[in-house]
Amino acid sequence: MFYLDLYFSFVFMLLLLICVLVGVAF
């Protein structure tokens, strides 16, 4: 379960980074 939690944390951070980049771009 540790890897699953780490995977979801990574995906969440990636989505957050994409949202920030889109916000800066537009």
PDB file of N, CA and C in Angstrom:
ATOM      1  N   MET A   1       0.831  -1.206   0.000  1.00  0.00           N
ATOM      2  CA  MET A   1       0.000   0.000   0.000  1.00  0.00           C
ATOM      3  C   MET A   1       0.862   1.251   0.000  1.00  0.00           C
ATOM      4  N   PHE A   2       2.095   1.116   0.465  1.00  0.00           N
ATOM      5  CA  PHE A   2       2.981   2.283   0.508  1.00  0.00           C
ATOM      6  C   PHE A   2       3.226   2.833  -0.899  1.00  0.00           C
ATOM      7  N   TYR A   3       3.475   1.928  -1.832  1.00  0.00           N
ATOM      8  CA  TYR A   3       3.743   2.375  -3.193  1.00  0.00           C
ATOM      9  C   TYR A   3       2.525   3.045  -3.817  1.00  0.00           C
ATOM     10  N   LEU A   4       1.343   2.533  -3.486  1.00  0.00           N
ATOM     11  CA  LEU A   4       0.108   3.097  -4.023  1.00  0.00           C
ATOM     12  C   LEU A   4      -0.067   4.524  -3.500  1.00  0.00           C
ATOM     13  N   ASP A   5       0.195   4.735  -2.211  1.00  0.00           N
ATOM     14  CA  ASP A   5       0.079   6.060  -1.605  1.00  0.00           C
ATOM     15  C   ASP A   5       1.099   7.009  -2.241  1.00  0.00           C
ATOM     16  N   LEU A   6       2.305   6.519  -2.460  1.00  0.00           N
ATOM     17  CA  LEU A   6       3.358   7.334  -3.068  1.00  0.00           C
ATOM     18  C   LEU A   6       2.969   7.698  -4.501  1.00  0.00           C
ATOM     19  N   TYR A   7       2.369   6.736  -5.220  1.00  0.00           N
ATOM     20  CA  TYR A   7       1.941   6.977  -6.598  1.00  0.00           C
ATOM     21  C   TYR A   7       0.869   8.060  -6.661  1.00  0.00           C
ATOM     22  N   PHE A   8      -0.120   7.994  -5.753  1.00  0.00           N
ATOM     23  CA  PHE A   8      -1.183   8.996  -5.760  1.00  0.00           C
ATOM     24  C   PHE A   8      -0.633  10.371  -5.382  1.00  0.00           C
ATOM     25  N   SER A   9       0.338  10.410  -4.479  1.00  0.00           N
ATOM     26  CA  SER A   9       0.947  11.681  -4.084  1.00  0.00           C
ATOM     27  C   SER A   9       1.667  12.286  -5.297  1.00  0.00           C
ATOM     28  N   PHE A  10       2.364  11.432  -6.052  1.00  0.00           N
ATOM     29  CA  PHE A  10       3.086  11.892  -7.235  1.00  0.00           C
ATOM     30  C   PHE A  10       2.123  12.429  -8.286  1.00  0.00           C
ATOM     31  N   VAL A  11       1.016  11.717  -8.516  1.00  0.00           N
ATOM     32  CA  VAL A  11       0.021  12.145  -9.503  1.00  0.00           C
ATOM     33  C   VAL A  11      -0.612  13.471  -9.080  1.00  0.00           C
ATOM     34  N   PHE A  12      -0.914  13.603  -7.787  1.00  0.00           N
ATOM     35  CA  PHE A  12      -1.523  14.833  -7.279  1.00  0.00           C
ATOM     36  C   PHE A  12      -0.578  16.019  -7.482  1.00  0.00           C
ATOM     37  N   MET A  13       0.707  15.832  -7.174  1.00  0.00           N
ATOM     38  CA  MET A  13       1.681  16.910  -7.345  1.00  0.00           C
ATOM     39  C   MET A  13       1.835  17.256  -8.821  1.00  0.00           C
ATOM     40  N   LEU A  14       1.786  16.249  -9.682  1.00  0.00           N
ATOM     41  CA  LEU A  14       1.925  16.481 -11.112  1.00  0.00           C
ATOM     42  C   LEU A  14       0.742  17.288 -11.638  1.00  0.00           C
ATOM     43  N   LEU A  15      -0.474  16.940 -11.214  1.00  0.00           N
ATOM     44  CA  LEU A  15      -1.668  17.678 -11.632  1.00  0.00           C
ATOM     45  C   LEU A  15      -1.610  19.114 -11.115  1.00  0.00           C
ATOM     46  N   LEU A  16      -1.141  19.287  -9.885  1.00  0.00           N
ATOM     47  CA  LEU A  16      -1.040  20.617  -9.300  1.00  0.00           C
ATOM     48  C   LEU A  16      -0.035  21.451 -10.098  1.00  0.00           C
ATOM     49  N   LEU A  17       1.087  20.845 -10.483  1.00  0.00           N
ATOM     50  CA  LEU A  17       2.101  21.546 -11.259  1.00  0.00           C
ATOM     51  C   LEU A  17       1.547  21.947 -12.620  1.00  0.00           C
ATOM     52  N   ILE A  18       0.780  21.064 -13.274  1.00  0.00           N
ATOM     53  CA  ILE A  18       0.183  21.365 -14.572  1.00  0.00           C
ATOM     54  C   ILE A  18      -0.795  22.527 -14.438  1.00  0.00           C
ATOM     55  N   CYS A  19      -1.600  22.520 -13.366  1.00  0.00           N
ATOM     56  CA  CYS A  19      -2.564  23.609 -13.141  1.00  0.00           C
ATOM     57  C   CYS A  19      -1.825  24.933 -12.981  1.00  0.00           C
ATOM     58  N   VAL A  20      -0.725  24.933 -12.243  1.00  0.00           N
ATOM     59  CA  VAL A  20       0.069  26.154 -12.034  1.00  0.00           C
ATOM     60  C   VAL A  20       0.666  26.627 -13.360  1.00  0.00           C
ATOM     61  N   LEU A  21       1.199  25.705 -14.150  1.00  0.00           N
ATOM     62  CA  LEU A  21       1.802  26.080 -15.433  1.00  0.00           C
ATOM     63  C   LEU A  21       0.746  26.651 -16.383  1.00  0.00           C
ATOM     64  N   VAL A  22      -0.446  26.053 -16.407  1.00  0.00           N
ATOM     65  CA  VAL A  22      -1.531  26.552 -17.253  1.00  0.00           C
ATOM     66  C   VAL A  22      -1.958  27.940 -16.772  1.00  0.00           C
ATOM     67  N   GLY A  23      -2.018  28.114 -15.455  1.00  0.00           N
ATOM     68  CA  GLY A  23      -2.397  29.412 -14.896  1.00  0.00           C
ATOM     69  C   GLY A  23      -1.395  30.486 -15.282  1.00  0.00           C
ATOM     70  N   VAL A  24      -0.114  30.132 -15.295  1.00  0.00           N
ATOM     71  CA  VAL A  24       0.932  31.101 -15.669  1.00  0.00           C
ATOM     72  C   VAL A  24       0.882  31.375 -17.177  1.00  0.00           C
ATOM     73  N   ALA A  25       0.647  30.322 -17.964  1.00  0.00           N
ATOM     74  CA  ALA A  25       0.625  30.465 -19.417  1.00  0.00           C
ATOM     75  C   ALA A  25      -0.546  31.353 -19.856  1.00  0.00           C
ATOM     76  N   PHE A  26      -1.689  31.194 -19.183  1.00  0.00           N
ATOM     77  CA  PHE A  26      -2.862  31.990 -19.549  1.00  0.00           C
ATOM     78  C   PHE A  26      -3.154  33.013 -18.458  1.00  0.00           C
TER      79      PHE A  26
END
